[in-house]
Amino acid sequence: MNTLTVSFFRHGETKSNIEGRCAGRTDILITENGRRKLKELKSIYTYPVVQKLFSSPAIRCRETSDILFPGMEPEIIYGFWEMDYGILDNKPVDILASQVGKERWNKRDYSAFFPGGESFLEESFRALAAMTRVIQRCIEDNISTAAVVAHGDILNSLVRACLDTDMDLRNFLICPNGMGFEVQVDKEKWFDKQRLQFVRLLPEGAPRTKPEDTPFFQ
């Protein structure tokens, strides 16, 4: 079967999220309240049952994986690490936005580059490479359902680069902690077209914060 269903989720709440800092490569834990919120979401809403689980190597993603998919050992995909903000890593979002310009920040302009780190274009290539690794592993293991736990900017990069949807992309701009979206992909055609077909937001029915109501939208 060539169709693969993938459910993407953003990690649970961290101290940097609360403070409006872009943690990037800073390896931080989920807060106690973040763990509570994840468990609450899991108890109220339906999360998918999947055959295989993938995760960023960041501890906040591995912690989230343990809560949302208990008993499953995630395969670590290093390409799913969050954006490398270089010397500005874990700095407040207004500092990063000022570095590249607020309009370019909000659009995640591919030419925006962070000193000592990477550009949004480089991150996009990295996210696509990581997704290719996921699909290859699912082909090897004959997997038809999988989940990926990663970071906000990584998910944003995949949306902008390859998501087919009629929905306003603002719905994907800043993914709430512990939430995400489901896609379907033709495992063979991915290597030619790199397209993901949007299915639904996850978990279904959960209220989602608007981008402008978060500190990460300038």
N, C-alpha and C. Protein backbone atom coordinates (compact mmCIF):
# COMPACT_ATOMS: atom_id res chain seq x y z
N MET A 1 0.85 -1.20 0.00
CA MET A 1 0.00 0.00 0.00
C MET A 1 0.89 1.25 0.00
N ASN A 2 0.67 2.12 -0.97
CA ASN A 2 1.54 3.29 -1.14
C ASN A 2 1.16 4.48 -0.28
N THR A 3 -0.08 4.51 0.21
CA THR A 3 -0.53 5.67 0.98
C THR A 3 -0.06 5.59 2.43
N LEU A 4 0.59 6.65 2.87
CA LEU A 4 1.05 6.76 4.25
C LEU A 4 0.32 7.92 4.92
N THR A 5 -0.25 7.65 6.08
CA THR A 5 -0.90 8.69 6.88
C THR A 5 0.06 9.10 7.99
N VAL A 6 0.37 10.39 8.05
CA VAL A 6 1.31 10.90 9.05
C VAL A 6 0.62 11.96 9.90
N SER A 7 0.75 11.82 11.21
CA SER A 7 0.21 12.80 12.15
C SER A 7 1.38 13.56 12.76
N PHE A 8 1.40 14.88 12.57
CA PHE A 8 2.47 15.73 13.09
C PHE A 8 2.00 16.41 14.38
N PHE A 9 2.88 16.49 15.36
CA PHE A 9 2.56 17.17 16.61
C PHE A 9 3.72 18.04 17.06
N ARG A 10 3.37 19.18 17.64
CA ARG A 10 4.38 20.03 18.25
C ARG A 10 4.55 19.60 19.71
N HIS A 11 5.76 19.72 20.22
CA HIS A 11 6.07 19.34 21.60
C HIS A 11 5.25 20.13 22.62
N GLY A 12 5.26 19.67 23.87
CA GLY A 12 4.56 20.33 24.96
C GLY A 12 5.19 21.65 25.36
N GLU A 13 4.47 22.38 26.18
CA GLU A 13 4.88 23.73 26.60
C GLU A 13 6.19 23.71 27.38
N THR A 14 7.07 24.67 27.05
CA THR A 14 8.34 24.85 27.76
C THR A 14 8.38 26.24 28.39
N LYS A 15 9.36 26.44 29.25
CA LYS A 15 9.55 27.75 29.87
C LYS A 15 9.81 28.81 28.80
N SER A 16 10.54 28.45 27.77
CA SER A 16 10.82 29.39 26.68
C SER A 16 9.54 29.77 25.94
N ASN A 17 8.63 28.81 25.76
CA ASN A 17 7.35 29.12 25.13
C ASN A 17 6.59 30.16 25.94
N ILE A 18 6.55 29.98 27.24
CA ILE A 18 5.82 30.89 28.12
C ILE A 18 6.42 32.29 28.06
N GLU A 19 7.75 32.36 28.01
CA GLU A 19 8.45 33.64 28.04
C GLU A 19 8.61 34.27 26.66
N GLY A 20 8.12 33.60 25.62
CA GLY A 20 8.25 34.15 24.28
C GLY A 20 9.67 34.11 23.75
N ARG A 21 10.41 33.06 24.12
CA ARG A 21 11.78 32.88 23.63
C ARG A 21 11.81 31.77 22.58
N CYS A 22 12.69 31.91 21.62
CA CYS A 22 12.84 30.90 20.57
C CYS A 22 13.97 29.96 20.95
N ALA A 23 13.62 28.83 21.57
CA ALA A 23 14.62 27.94 22.14
C ALA A 23 15.54 27.33 21.08
N GLY A 24 15.02 27.05 19.89
CA GLY A 24 15.88 26.50 18.85
C GLY A 24 16.61 25.26 19.30
N ARG A 25 17.95 25.32 19.33
CA ARG A 25 18.77 24.17 19.71
C ARG A 25 18.99 24.06 21.21
N THR A 26 18.46 25.01 21.99
CA THR A 26 18.56 24.90 23.44
C THR A 26 17.69 23.73 23.89
N ASP A 27 18.30 22.76 24.57
CA ASP A 27 17.59 21.53 24.91
C ASP A 27 16.94 21.66 26.28
N ILE A 28 15.67 22.00 26.29
CA ILE A 28 14.96 22.28 27.53
C ILE A 28 13.82 21.30 27.75
N LEU A 29 13.44 21.15 29.01
CA LEU A 29 12.36 20.25 29.40
C LEU A 29 11.00 20.89 29.21
N ILE A 30 9.99 20.05 29.18
CA ILE A 30 8.61 20.53 29.25
C ILE A 30 8.34 20.94 30.69
N THR A 31 7.53 21.99 30.88
CA THR A 31 7.17 22.40 32.24
C THR A 31 6.19 21.40 32.84
N GLU A 32 6.06 21.45 34.16
CA GLU A 32 5.07 20.59 34.83
C GLU A 32 3.67 20.89 34.32
N ASN A 33 3.39 22.17 34.11
CA ASN A 33 2.08 22.55 33.58
C ASN A 33 1.93 22.05 32.15
N GLY A 34 3.04 22.04 31.41
CA GLY A 34 3.01 21.52 30.04
C GLY A 34 2.67 20.05 30.01
N ARG A 35 3.23 19.29 30.95
CA ARG A 35 2.91 17.86 31.05
C ARG A 35 1.43 17.66 31.39
N ARG A 36 0.96 18.49 32.33
CA ARG A 36 -0.44 18.39 32.73
C ARG A 36 -1.36 18.67 31.54
N LYS A 37 -1.02 19.69 30.75
CA LYS A 37 -1.85 20.05 29.60
C LYS A 37 -1.86 18.94 28.56
N LEU A 38 -0.71 18.32 28.34
CA LEU A 38 -0.65 17.22 27.37
C LEU A 38 -1.53 16.05 27.83
N LYS A 39 -1.45 15.72 29.11
CA LYS A 39 -2.25 14.62 29.64
C LYS A 39 -3.75 14.96 29.58
N GLU A 40 -4.05 16.24 29.80
CA GLU A 40 -5.44 16.67 29.73
C GLU A 40 -5.97 16.57 28.31
N LEU A 41 -5.17 17.02 27.34
CA LEU A 41 -5.56 16.89 25.93
C LEU A 41 -5.79 15.43 25.57
N LYS A 42 -4.87 14.58 26.01
CA LYS A 42 -4.96 13.15 25.68
C LYS A 42 -6.21 12.52 26.30
N SER A 43 -6.63 13.02 27.48
CA SER A 43 -7.79 12.44 28.14
C SER A 43 -9.12 12.92 27.55
N ILE A 44 -9.10 14.11 26.94
CA ILE A 44 -10.33 14.69 26.42
C ILE A 44 -10.54 14.38 24.94
N TYR A 45 -9.47 14.45 24.17
CA TYR A 45 -9.56 14.31 22.71
C TYR A 45 -8.90 13.02 22.23
N THR A 46 -9.27 12.63 21.02
CA THR A 46 -8.75 11.40 20.44
C THR A 46 -7.46 11.66 19.67
N TYR A 47 -6.42 10.96 20.06
CA TYR A 47 -5.16 11.00 19.32
C TYR A 47 -5.03 9.72 18.50
N PRO A 48 -4.39 9.79 17.35
CA PRO A 48 -4.35 8.62 16.47
C PRO A 48 -3.54 7.46 17.03
N VAL A 49 -3.94 6.27 16.64
CA VAL A 49 -3.16 5.07 16.92
C VAL A 49 -2.28 4.83 15.69
N VAL A 50 -0.97 4.76 15.88
CA VAL A 50 -0.06 4.64 14.74
C VAL A 50 0.85 3.43 14.90
N GLN A 51 1.43 3.02 13.78
CA GLN A 51 2.32 1.86 13.78
C GLN A 51 3.76 2.24 14.12
N LYS A 52 4.13 3.48 13.82
CA LYS A 52 5.52 3.89 14.03
C LYS A 52 5.57 5.35 14.48
N LEU A 53 6.53 5.64 15.35
CA LEU A 53 6.67 6.99 15.92
C LEU A 53 8.06 7.53 15.65
N PHE A 54 8.11 8.78 15.21
CA PHE A 54 9.37 9.48 14.96
C PHE A 54 9.42 10.74 15.81
N SER A 55 10.63 11.16 16.16
CA SER A 55 10.76 12.35 17.01
C SER A 55 12.05 13.10 16.71
N SER A 56 12.00 14.41 16.92
CA SER A 56 13.21 15.21 17.01
C SER A 56 14.02 14.68 18.18
N PRO A 57 15.35 14.84 18.16
CA PRO A 57 16.16 14.40 19.30
C PRO A 57 16.00 15.27 20.53
N ALA A 58 15.38 16.44 20.41
CA ALA A 58 15.23 17.34 21.55
C ALA A 58 14.45 16.67 22.67
N ILE A 59 14.88 16.90 23.90
CA ILE A 59 14.24 16.25 25.04
C ILE A 59 12.77 16.65 25.16
N ARG A 60 12.42 17.87 24.78
CA ARG A 60 11.02 18.30 24.87
C ARG A 60 10.13 17.50 23.92
N CYS A 61 10.69 17.06 22.80
CA CYS A 61 9.92 16.24 21.86
C CYS A 61 9.84 14.79 22.34
N ARG A 62 10.92 14.30 22.92
CA ARG A 62 10.90 12.93 23.42
C ARG A 62 9.97 12.79 24.62
N GLU A 63 9.94 13.83 25.47
CA GLU A 63 9.00 13.82 26.60
C GLU A 63 7.56 13.81 26.09
N THR A 64 7.30 14.63 25.08
CA THR A 64 5.95 14.69 24.50
C THR A 64 5.56 13.35 23.89
N SER A 65 6.50 12.72 23.22
CA SER A 65 6.25 11.40 22.63
C SER A 65 5.82 10.40 23.69
N ASP A 66 6.48 10.43 24.83
CA ASP A 66 6.17 9.50 25.93
C ASP A 66 4.75 9.69 26.45
N ILE A 67 4.30 10.95 26.47
CA ILE A 67 2.96 11.24 27.00
C ILE A 67 1.87 10.94 25.97
N LEU A 68 2.08 11.37 24.74
CA LEU A 68 1.04 11.19 23.72
C LEU A 68 1.00 9.76 23.17
N PHE A 69 2.15 9.09 23.17
CA PHE A 69 2.21 7.72 22.63
C PHE A 69 2.93 6.81 23.63
N PRO A 70 2.33 6.59 24.79
CA PRO A 70 2.98 5.78 25.83
C PRO A 70 3.27 4.37 25.35
N GLY A 71 4.46 3.90 25.72
CA GLY A 71 4.83 2.54 25.36
C GLY A 71 5.50 2.40 24.01
N MET A 72 5.53 3.50 23.23
CA MET A 72 6.18 3.46 21.92
C MET A 72 7.54 4.13 22.01
N GLU A 73 8.55 3.50 21.46
CA GLU A 73 9.89 4.07 21.43
C GLU A 73 10.06 4.81 20.11
N PRO A 74 10.26 6.13 20.16
CA PRO A 74 10.37 6.87 18.89
C PRO A 74 11.70 6.64 18.20
N GLU A 75 11.67 6.61 16.90
CA GLU A 75 12.90 6.63 16.13
C GLU A 75 13.33 8.08 16.00
N ILE A 76 14.56 8.38 16.37
CA ILE A 76 15.04 9.75 16.36
C ILE A 76 15.48 10.16 14.96
N ILE A 77 14.95 11.28 14.50
CA ILE A 77 15.32 11.84 13.20
C ILE A 77 16.00 13.18 13.46
N TYR A 78 17.31 13.22 13.29
CA TYR A 78 18.08 14.41 13.67
C TYR A 78 17.74 15.63 12.81
N GLY A 79 17.25 15.40 11.59
CA GLY A 79 16.88 16.52 10.74
C GLY A 79 15.66 17.28 11.24
N PHE A 80 14.94 16.71 12.20
CA PHE A 80 13.77 17.40 12.77
C PHE A 80 14.13 18.33 13.92
N TRP A 81 15.43 18.50 14.23
CA TRP A 81 15.80 19.51 15.23
C TRP A 81 15.20 20.86 14.84
N GLU A 82 14.89 21.67 15.84
CA GLU A 82 14.32 22.99 15.59
C GLU A 82 15.32 23.89 14.86
N MET A 83 14.82 25.01 14.34
CA MET A 83 15.64 26.01 13.66
C MET A 83 16.86 26.37 14.50
N ASP A 84 18.01 26.50 13.84
CA ASP A 84 19.24 26.91 14.51
C ASP A 84 19.32 28.44 14.44
N TYR A 85 19.06 29.09 15.58
CA TYR A 85 19.08 30.55 15.62
C TYR A 85 20.47 31.12 15.94
N GLY A 86 21.48 30.26 15.99
CA GLY A 86 22.84 30.72 16.18
C GLY A 86 23.05 31.48 17.48
N ILE A 87 23.67 32.65 17.39
CA ILE A 87 23.98 33.43 18.59
C ILE A 87 22.73 34.01 19.25
N LEU A 88 21.60 33.92 18.56
CA LEU A 88 20.34 34.44 19.11
C LEU A 88 19.47 33.33 19.69
N ASP A 89 20.02 32.12 19.78
CA ASP A 89 19.24 31.00 20.28
C ASP A 89 18.73 31.26 21.70
N ASN A 90 17.46 30.97 21.91
CA ASN A 90 16.75 31.14 23.19
C ASN A 90 16.63 32.61 23.61
N LYS A 91 16.72 33.51 22.63
CA LYS A 91 16.49 34.93 22.90
C LYS A 91 15.00 35.24 22.67
N PRO A 92 14.50 36.36 23.25
CA PRO A 92 13.10 36.74 23.04
C PRO A 92 12.78 36.93 21.56
N VAL A 93 11.56 36.62 21.20
CA VAL A 93 11.16 36.64 19.80
C VAL A 93 11.31 38.03 19.18
N ASP A 94 11.12 39.11 19.95
CA ASP A 94 11.24 40.44 19.36
C ASP A 94 12.67 40.74 18.92
N ILE A 95 13.65 40.12 19.59
CA ILE A 95 15.05 40.30 19.19
C ILE A 95 15.31 39.60 17.86
N LEU A 96 14.80 38.39 17.72
CA LEU A 96 14.97 37.66 16.47
C LEU A 96 14.24 38.35 15.32
N ALA A 97 13.02 38.83 15.60
CA ALA A 97 12.25 39.52 14.57
C ALA A 97 12.96 40.80 14.13
N SER A 98 13.56 41.48 15.08
CA SER A 98 14.29 42.71 14.74
C SER A 98 15.52 42.40 13.89
N GLN A 99 16.12 41.25 14.13
CA GLN A 99 17.32 40.86 13.37
C GLN A 99 17.02 40.75 11.88
N VAL A 100 15.88 40.19 11.54
CA VAL A 100 15.57 39.94 10.12
C VAL A 100 14.47 40.86 9.59
N GLY A 101 13.80 41.60 10.46
CA GLY A 101 12.66 42.43 10.06
C GLY A 101 11.37 41.70 10.36
N LYS A 102 10.41 42.40 10.96
CA LYS A 102 9.18 41.76 11.41
C LYS A 102 8.40 41.10 10.27
N GLU A 103 8.34 41.76 9.11
CA GLU A 103 7.59 41.18 8.00
C GLU A 103 8.24 39.89 7.51
N ARG A 104 9.56 39.89 7.40
CA ARG A 104 10.27 38.69 6.97
C ARG A 104 10.16 37.60 8.03
N TRP A 105 10.15 37.98 9.29
CA TRP A 105 9.99 37.00 10.37
C TRP A 105 8.63 36.32 10.30
N ASN A 106 7.57 37.12 10.18
CA ASN A 106 6.22 36.56 10.15
C ASN A 106 6.00 35.67 8.93
N LYS A 107 6.64 36.00 7.81
CA LYS A 107 6.51 35.20 6.59
C LYS A 107 7.48 34.03 6.57
N ARG A 108 8.40 33.99 7.54
CA ARG A 108 9.48 33.00 7.54
C ARG A 108 10.19 33.05 6.18
N ASP A 109 10.53 34.27 5.78
CA ASP A 109 11.17 34.52 4.49
C ASP A 109 12.42 33.65 4.35
N TYR A 110 12.53 32.95 3.24
CA TYR A 110 13.64 32.02 3.04
C TYR A 110 15.01 32.69 3.11
N SER A 111 15.07 33.98 2.81
CA SER A 111 16.37 34.67 2.81
C SER A 111 16.78 35.12 4.21
N ALA A 112 15.88 35.02 5.19
CA ALA A 112 16.20 35.44 6.56
C ALA A 112 17.24 34.50 7.15
N PHE A 113 18.34 35.06 7.66
CA PHE A 113 19.47 34.28 8.15
C PHE A 113 19.86 34.77 9.53
N PHE A 114 20.19 33.82 10.42
CA PHE A 114 20.56 34.16 11.79
C PHE A 114 22.05 33.91 11.99
N PRO A 115 22.79 34.94 12.45
CA PRO A 115 24.25 34.84 12.61
C PRO A 115 24.65 33.62 13.44
N GLY A 116 25.56 32.83 12.88
CA GLY A 116 26.01 31.63 13.57
C GLY A 116 25.05 30.46 13.47
N GLY A 117 23.90 30.70 12.82
CA GLY A 117 22.89 29.66 12.69
C GLY A 117 22.58 29.35 11.24
N GLU A 118 21.30 29.25 10.91
CA GLU A 118 20.92 28.91 9.55
C GLU A 118 19.84 29.86 9.04
N SER A 119 19.53 29.75 7.77
CA SER A 119 18.45 30.53 7.17
C SER A 119 17.18 29.68 7.16
N PHE A 120 16.05 30.32 6.94
CA PHE A 120 14.80 29.56 6.85
C PHE A 120 14.82 28.63 5.63
N LEU A 121 15.55 29.01 4.58
CA LEU A 121 15.65 28.13 3.41
C LEU A 121 16.42 26.87 3.77
N GLU A 122 17.53 27.02 4.49
CA GLU A 122 18.30 25.84 4.91
C GLU A 122 17.47 24.94 5.80
N GLU A 123 16.70 25.54 6.71
CA GLU A 123 15.85 24.74 7.58
C GLU A 123 14.81 23.98 6.76
N SER A 124 14.27 24.63 5.73
CA SER A 124 13.27 23.99 4.88
C SER A 124 13.85 22.76 4.17
N PHE A 125 15.06 22.90 3.63
CA PHE A 125 15.71 21.75 2.99
C PHE A 125 15.92 20.62 3.99
N ARG A 126 16.32 20.99 5.20
CA ARG A 126 16.58 20.00 6.25
C ARG A 126 15.29 19.26 6.63
N ALA A 127 14.18 20.01 6.76
CA ALA A 127 12.90 19.40 7.10
C ALA A 127 12.43 18.44 6.01
N LEU A 128 12.63 18.82 4.75
CA LEU A 128 12.24 17.94 3.64
C LEU A 128 13.10 16.68 3.63
N ALA A 129 14.39 16.83 3.94
CA ALA A 129 15.27 15.67 4.00
C ALA A 129 14.84 14.73 5.12
N ALA A 130 14.47 15.31 6.27
CA ALA A 130 14.01 14.50 7.40
C ALA A 130 12.72 13.76 7.05
N MET A 131 11.81 14.45 6.37
CA MET A 131 10.56 13.81 5.96
C MET A 131 10.83 12.67 4.97
N THR A 132 11.80 12.86 4.11
CA THR A 132 12.18 11.81 3.17
C THR A 132 12.69 10.58 3.92
N ARG A 133 13.46 10.82 5.00
CA ARG A 133 13.94 9.70 5.81
C ARG A 133 12.76 8.96 6.45
N VAL A 134 11.78 9.69 6.95
CA VAL A 134 10.59 9.08 7.54
C VAL A 134 9.89 8.19 6.52
N ILE A 135 9.69 8.72 5.33
CA ILE A 135 8.99 7.95 4.29
C ILE A 135 9.79 6.71 3.90
N GLN A 136 11.10 6.85 3.77
CA GLN A 136 11.93 5.71 3.43
C GLN A 136 11.84 4.62 4.49
N ARG A 137 11.87 5.01 5.76
CA ARG A 137 11.76 4.04 6.85
C ARG A 137 10.40 3.34 6.83
N CYS A 138 9.35 4.09 6.49
CA CYS A 138 8.01 3.50 6.43
C CYS A 138 7.88 2.54 5.26
N ILE A 139 8.57 2.84 4.17
CA ILE A 139 8.59 1.90 3.03
C ILE A 139 9.30 0.61 3.44
N GLU A 140 10.43 0.76 4.10
CA GLU A 140 11.23 -0.40 4.51
C GLU A 140 10.46 -1.32 5.45
N ASP A 141 9.68 -0.72 6.35
CA ASP A 141 8.96 -1.49 7.36
C ASP A 141 7.50 -1.75 7.01
N ASN A 142 7.10 -1.38 5.79
CA ASN A 142 5.72 -1.56 5.33
C ASN A 142 4.72 -0.89 6.29
N ILE A 143 5.01 0.34 6.66
CA ILE A 143 4.19 1.11 7.59
C ILE A 143 3.20 1.97 6.82
N SER A 144 1.95 2.03 7.30
CA SER A 144 0.94 2.87 6.65
C SER A 144 0.45 4.02 7.54
N THR A 145 0.78 3.98 8.84
CA THR A 145 0.40 5.07 9.75
C THR A 145 1.59 5.40 10.66
N ALA A 146 1.89 6.69 10.77
CA ALA A 146 3.03 7.11 11.59
C ALA A 146 2.73 8.46 12.22
N ALA A 147 3.50 8.78 13.25
CA ALA A 147 3.40 10.09 13.90
C ALA A 147 4.80 10.69 14.02
N VAL A 148 4.85 12.01 13.95
CA VAL A 148 6.10 12.75 14.10
C VAL A 148 5.90 13.81 15.17
N VAL A 149 6.77 13.84 16.17
CA VAL A 149 6.75 14.88 17.19
C VAL A 149 7.96 15.78 16.96
N ALA A 150 7.70 17.05 16.67
CA ALA A 150 8.78 17.95 16.31
C ALA A 150 8.51 19.35 16.87
N HIS A 151 8.96 20.37 16.14
CA HIS A 151 8.96 21.75 16.62
C HIS A 151 8.11 22.66 15.72
N GLY A 152 7.75 23.81 16.27
CA GLY A 152 6.89 24.74 15.56
C GLY A 152 7.42 25.17 14.21
N ASP A 153 8.68 25.62 14.15
CA ASP A 153 9.22 26.09 12.88
C ASP A 153 9.45 24.96 11.89
N ILE A 154 9.77 23.78 12.38
CA ILE A 154 9.93 22.63 11.48
C ILE A 154 8.59 22.29 10.83
N LEU A 155 7.53 22.25 11.63
CA LEU A 155 6.20 21.97 11.07
C LEU A 155 5.79 23.07 10.10
N ASN A 156 6.09 24.31 10.44
CA ASN A 156 5.79 25.44 9.57
C ASN A 156 6.51 25.29 8.23
N SER A 157 7.77 24.86 8.27
CA SER A 157 8.55 24.69 7.05
C SER A 157 7.93 23.63 6.14
N LEU A 158 7.50 22.52 6.73
CA LEU A 158 6.87 21.47 5.93
C LEU A 158 5.57 21.95 5.31
N VAL A 159 4.79 22.71 6.07
CA VAL A 159 3.53 23.26 5.56
C VAL A 159 3.79 24.15 4.35
N ARG A 160 4.72 25.07 4.50
CA ARG A 160 4.98 26.03 3.42
C ARG A 160 5.59 25.36 2.20
N ALA A 161 6.40 24.34 2.43
CA ALA A 161 7.11 23.72 1.31
C ALA A 161 6.28 22.71 0.53
N CYS A 162 5.37 21.99 1.21
CA CYS A 162 4.78 20.87 0.48
C CYS A 162 3.34 20.51 0.84
N LEU A 163 2.64 21.31 1.64
CA LEU A 163 1.28 20.94 2.02
C LEU A 163 0.25 21.40 0.99
N ASP A 164 -0.58 20.47 0.53
CA ASP A 164 -1.70 20.78 -0.35
C ASP A 164 -2.95 20.92 0.50
N THR A 165 -3.51 22.13 0.55
CA THR A 165 -4.71 22.37 1.36
C THR A 165 -5.43 23.61 0.86
N ASP A 166 -6.77 23.63 1.07
CA ASP A 166 -7.56 24.82 0.76
C ASP A 166 -7.69 25.72 1.98
N MET A 167 -7.20 25.28 3.13
CA MET A 167 -7.29 26.07 4.35
C MET A 167 -6.32 27.23 4.32
N ASP A 168 -6.68 28.31 5.03
CA ASP A 168 -5.80 29.44 5.21
C ASP A 168 -4.55 28.96 5.95
N LEU A 169 -3.37 29.25 5.40
CA LEU A 169 -2.13 28.78 6.01
C LEU A 169 -1.88 29.40 7.38
N ARG A 170 -2.63 30.45 7.73
CA ARG A 170 -2.51 31.02 9.06
C ARG A 170 -2.91 30.00 10.13
N ASN A 171 -3.73 29.01 9.74
CA ASN A 171 -4.11 27.95 10.67
C ASN A 171 -2.92 27.09 11.08
N PHE A 172 -1.84 27.17 10.30
CA PHE A 172 -0.67 26.34 10.57
C PHE A 172 0.53 27.18 11.04
N LEU A 173 0.38 28.50 11.06
CA LEU A 173 1.52 29.38 11.30
C LEU A 173 2.21 29.12 12.62
N ILE A 174 1.45 29.05 13.70
CA ILE A 174 2.01 28.76 15.02
C ILE A 174 1.19 27.64 15.63
N CYS A 175 1.70 26.44 15.54
CA CYS A 175 0.97 25.27 16.02
C CYS A 175 0.94 25.26 17.55
N PRO A 176 -0.23 25.09 18.16
CA PRO A 176 -0.29 25.03 19.63
C PRO A 176 0.47 23.82 20.17
N ASN A 177 0.98 23.94 21.36
CA ASN A 177 1.70 22.83 22.00
C ASN A 177 0.81 21.60 22.13
N GLY A 178 1.33 20.45 21.75
CA GLY A 178 0.59 19.20 21.88
C GLY A 178 -0.43 18.97 20.78
N MET A 179 -0.50 19.89 19.84
CA MET A 179 -1.46 19.76 18.74
C MET A 179 -0.72 19.66 17.42
N GLY A 180 -1.47 19.43 16.34
CA GLY A 180 -0.83 19.30 15.05
C GLY A 180 -1.82 19.10 13.93
N PHE A 181 -1.44 18.26 12.98
CA PHE A 181 -2.30 18.02 11.82
C PHE A 181 -1.94 16.68 11.19
N GLU A 182 -2.89 16.17 10.42
CA GLU A 182 -2.72 14.87 9.75
C GLU A 182 -2.64 15.07 8.25
N VAL A 183 -1.77 14.31 7.61
CA VAL A 183 -1.63 14.38 6.16
C VAL A 183 -1.60 12.96 5.59
N GLN A 184 -1.78 12.87 4.29
CA GLN A 184 -1.55 11.63 3.57
C GLN A 184 -0.53 11.90 2.47
N VAL A 185 0.28 10.90 2.19
CA VAL A 185 1.31 11.05 1.17
C VAL A 185 1.47 9.73 0.43
N ASP A 186 1.65 9.84 -0.86
CA ASP A 186 1.97 8.66 -1.67
C ASP A 186 3.47 8.41 -1.49
N LYS A 187 3.82 7.28 -0.89
CA LYS A 187 5.21 7.02 -0.52
C LYS A 187 6.14 6.99 -1.73
N GLU A 188 5.67 6.52 -2.86
CA GLU A 188 6.53 6.46 -4.04
C GLU A 188 6.61 7.82 -4.73
N LYS A 189 5.48 8.52 -4.84
CA LYS A 189 5.48 9.80 -5.54
C LYS A 189 6.22 10.90 -4.78
N TRP A 190 6.38 10.71 -3.44
CA TRP A 190 7.09 11.71 -2.64
C TRP A 190 8.46 12.04 -3.22
N PHE A 191 9.16 11.03 -3.72
CA PHE A 191 10.52 11.22 -4.20
C PHE A 191 10.56 12.04 -5.49
N ASP A 192 9.41 12.20 -6.11
CA ASP A 192 9.33 12.99 -7.34
C ASP A 192 8.68 14.36 -7.10
N LYS A 193 7.61 14.38 -6.29
CA LYS A 193 6.80 15.60 -6.15
C LYS A 193 6.93 16.28 -4.79
N GLN A 194 7.24 15.56 -3.73
CA GLN A 194 7.33 16.09 -2.36
C GLN A 194 6.05 16.86 -1.97
N ARG A 195 4.90 16.17 -2.05
CA ARG A 195 3.63 16.79 -1.69
C ARG A 195 2.97 16.01 -0.56
N LEU A 196 2.36 16.76 0.37
CA LEU A 196 1.58 16.20 1.47
C LEU A 196 0.15 16.69 1.32
N GLN A 197 -0.81 15.79 1.41
CA GLN A 197 -2.22 16.16 1.28
C GLN A 197 -2.84 16.32 2.66
N PHE A 198 -3.28 17.54 2.96
CA PHE A 198 -3.87 17.80 4.27
C PHE A 198 -5.16 17.00 4.46
N VAL A 199 -5.33 16.46 5.67
CA VAL A 199 -6.54 15.70 6.01
C VAL A 199 -7.35 16.42 7.08
N ARG A 200 -6.72 16.74 8.23
CA ARG A 200 -7.46 17.37 9.32
C ARG A 200 -6.48 17.93 10.36
N LEU A 201 -7.00 18.86 11.17
CA LEU A 201 -6.24 19.35 12.32
C LEU A 201 -6.39 18.35 13.46
N LEU A 202 -5.35 18.26 14.28
CA LEU A 202 -5.35 17.31 15.40
C LEU A 202 -5.00 18.00 16.72
N PRO A 203 -5.60 17.53 17.84
CA PRO A 203 -6.72 16.60 17.86
C PRO A 203 -8.01 17.31 17.44
N GLU A 204 -8.89 16.60 16.79
CA GLU A 204 -10.13 17.21 16.29
C GLU A 204 -10.97 17.74 17.44
N GLY A 205 -11.45 18.98 17.27
CA GLY A 205 -12.33 19.59 18.26
C GLY A 205 -11.63 20.42 19.31
N ALA A 206 -10.31 20.31 19.42
CA ALA A 206 -9.58 21.06 20.44
C ALA A 206 -9.46 22.53 20.01
N PRO A 207 -9.76 23.47 20.92
CA PRO A 207 -9.63 24.90 20.58
C PRO A 207 -8.18 25.26 20.34
N ARG A 208 -7.93 26.08 19.31
CA ARG A 208 -6.57 26.44 18.93
C ARG A 208 -6.36 27.94 19.07
N THR A 209 -5.26 28.32 19.69
CA THR A 209 -4.91 29.73 19.88
C THR A 209 -4.59 30.37 18.54
N LYS A 210 -5.07 31.58 18.32
CA LYS A 210 -4.76 32.30 17.08
C LYS A 210 -3.30 32.78 17.14
N PRO A 211 -2.62 32.82 15.98
CA PRO A 211 -1.22 33.25 15.96
C PRO A 211 -1.00 34.60 16.62
N GLU A 212 -1.90 35.56 16.37
CA GLU A 212 -1.71 36.91 16.91
C GLU A 212 -1.88 36.98 18.43
N ASP A 213 -2.41 35.90 19.01
CA ASP A 213 -2.57 35.86 20.47
C ASP A 213 -1.39 35.17 21.16
N THR A 214 -0.34 34.89 20.41
CA THR A 214 0.87 34.29 20.97
C THR A 214 2.00 35.32 20.90
N PRO A 215 3.03 35.15 21.73
CA PRO A 215 4.16 36.08 21.69
C PRO A 215 5.04 35.89 20.46
N PHE A 216 4.80 34.83 19.67
CA PHE A 216 5.68 34.53 18.55
C PHE A 216 5.24 35.18 17.25
N PHE A 217 4.10 35.88 17.28
CA PHE A 217 3.61 36.60 16.11
C PHE A 217 3.85 38.08 16.33
N GLN A 218 4.62 38.67 15.43
CA GLN A 218 5.00 40.07 15.60
C GLN A 218 4.17 41.00 14.73
